[in-house]
């Protein structure tokens, strides 16, 4: 049986410049924080 190996060669992260909050989303569509959070 062939031995399979793996290695982590890199790690990284990404932080978007723009973050859409629940409050901002509430103004765009007919919804509220409770509905958004429950999804």
N, C-alpha and C. Protein backbone atom coordinates (compact mmCIF):
# COMPACT_ATOMS: atom_id res chain seq x y z
N UNK A 1 0.83 -1.17 0.00
CA UNK A 1 0.00 0.00 0.00
C UNK A 1 0.89 1.25 0.00
N UNK A 2 0.54 2.26 -0.82
CA UNK A 2 1.33 3.48 -0.94
C UNK A 2 1.01 4.45 0.19
N UNK A 3 2.04 4.99 0.81
CA UNK A 3 1.85 5.98 1.87
C UNK A 3 1.64 7.35 1.23
N UNK A 4 0.56 8.02 1.60
CA UNK A 4 0.24 9.35 1.08
C UNK A 4 0.62 10.38 2.15
N UNK A 5 1.32 11.42 1.73
CA UNK A 5 1.70 12.46 2.69
C UNK A 5 1.23 13.82 2.20
N UNK A 6 1.12 14.74 3.14
CA UNK A 6 0.71 16.10 2.82
C UNK A 6 1.46 17.07 3.72
N UNK A 7 1.59 18.31 3.26
CA UNK A 7 2.28 19.32 4.05
C UNK A 7 1.60 20.67 3.86
N UNK A 8 1.56 21.46 4.92
CA UNK A 8 1.07 22.83 4.82
C UNK A 8 2.25 23.68 4.34
N UNK A 9 2.07 24.31 3.18
CA UNK A 9 3.18 25.07 2.60
C UNK A 9 3.07 26.57 2.83
N UNK A 10 1.86 27.04 3.20
CA UNK A 10 1.69 28.47 3.44
C UNK A 10 0.41 28.70 4.23
N UNK A 11 0.35 29.84 4.89
CA UNK A 11 -0.86 30.28 5.58
C UNK A 11 -1.06 31.75 5.25
N UNK A 12 -2.28 32.23 5.39
CA UNK A 12 -2.53 33.63 5.11
C UNK A 12 -3.85 34.07 5.68
N UNK A 13 -4.17 35.33 5.49
CA UNK A 13 -5.44 35.87 5.93
C UNK A 13 -5.83 37.03 5.03
N UNK A 14 -7.12 37.39 5.08
CA UNK A 14 -7.62 38.49 4.28
C UNK A 14 -8.63 39.26 5.10
N UNK A 15 -8.51 40.58 5.14
CA UNK A 15 -9.47 41.43 5.83
C UNK A 15 -10.01 42.41 4.79
N UNK A 16 -11.32 42.36 4.52
CA UNK A 16 -11.88 43.25 3.50
C UNK A 16 -11.83 44.71 3.96
N UNK A 17 -11.73 45.62 2.99
CA UNK A 17 -11.71 47.04 3.30
C UNK A 17 -13.08 47.53 3.76
N UNK A 18 -14.15 46.93 3.21
CA UNK A 18 -15.51 47.37 3.51
C UNK A 18 -16.25 46.24 4.21
N UNK A 19 -16.84 46.54 5.36
CA UNK A 19 -17.62 45.55 6.10
C UNK A 19 -19.07 46.02 6.13
N UNK A 20 -19.97 45.16 5.67
CA UNK A 20 -21.40 45.46 5.66
C UNK A 20 -22.01 45.00 6.98
N UNK A 21 -22.49 45.95 7.78
CA UNK A 21 -23.08 45.61 9.07
C UNK A 21 -24.56 45.30 8.91
N UNK A 22 -25.14 44.68 9.93
CA UNK A 22 -26.57 44.39 9.90
C UNK A 22 -27.38 45.68 9.82
N UNK A 23 -26.95 46.72 10.50
CA UNK A 23 -27.65 48.00 10.46
C UNK A 23 -27.67 48.57 9.05
N UNK A 24 -26.57 48.45 8.33
CA UNK A 24 -26.52 48.93 6.95
C UNK A 24 -27.44 48.10 6.06
N UNK A 25 -27.46 46.79 6.28
CA UNK A 25 -28.30 45.91 5.49
C UNK A 25 -29.78 46.20 5.72
N UNK A 26 -30.14 46.54 6.95
CA UNK A 26 -31.52 46.87 7.28
C UNK A 26 -32.03 48.04 6.45
N UNK A 27 -31.17 49.01 6.15
CA UNK A 27 -31.59 50.17 5.37
C UNK A 27 -31.75 49.85 3.89
N UNK A 28 -31.10 48.78 3.42
CA UNK A 28 -31.16 48.42 2.00
C UNK A 28 -32.35 47.55 1.66
N UNK A 29 -32.72 46.67 2.57
CA UNK A 29 -33.83 45.74 2.33
C UNK A 29 -34.78 45.79 3.51
N UNK A 30 -35.99 45.32 3.30
CA UNK A 30 -37.01 45.33 4.34
C UNK A 30 -36.78 44.17 5.30
N UNK A 31 -35.92 44.36 6.27
CA UNK A 31 -35.59 43.31 7.24
C UNK A 31 -35.15 43.96 8.55
N UNK A 32 -34.83 43.14 9.53
CA UNK A 32 -34.33 43.66 10.80
C UNK A 32 -33.22 42.77 11.33
N UNK A 33 -32.54 43.24 12.37
CA UNK A 33 -31.40 42.52 12.92
C UNK A 33 -31.79 41.13 13.41
N UNK A 34 -32.95 40.99 14.01
CA UNK A 34 -33.39 39.69 14.52
C UNK A 34 -33.50 38.67 13.39
N UNK A 35 -34.08 39.06 12.26
CA UNK A 35 -34.23 38.15 11.13
C UNK A 35 -32.86 37.78 10.55
N UNK A 36 -31.99 38.78 10.41
CA UNK A 36 -30.66 38.53 9.86
C UNK A 36 -29.89 37.56 10.75
N UNK A 37 -29.92 37.80 12.05
CA UNK A 37 -29.18 36.97 13.00
C UNK A 37 -29.71 35.54 13.02
N UNK A 38 -31.01 35.37 12.86
CA UNK A 38 -31.60 34.02 12.89
C UNK A 38 -31.24 33.21 11.65
N UNK A 39 -30.78 33.84 10.60
CA UNK A 39 -30.41 33.13 9.38
C UNK A 39 -28.99 32.68 9.50
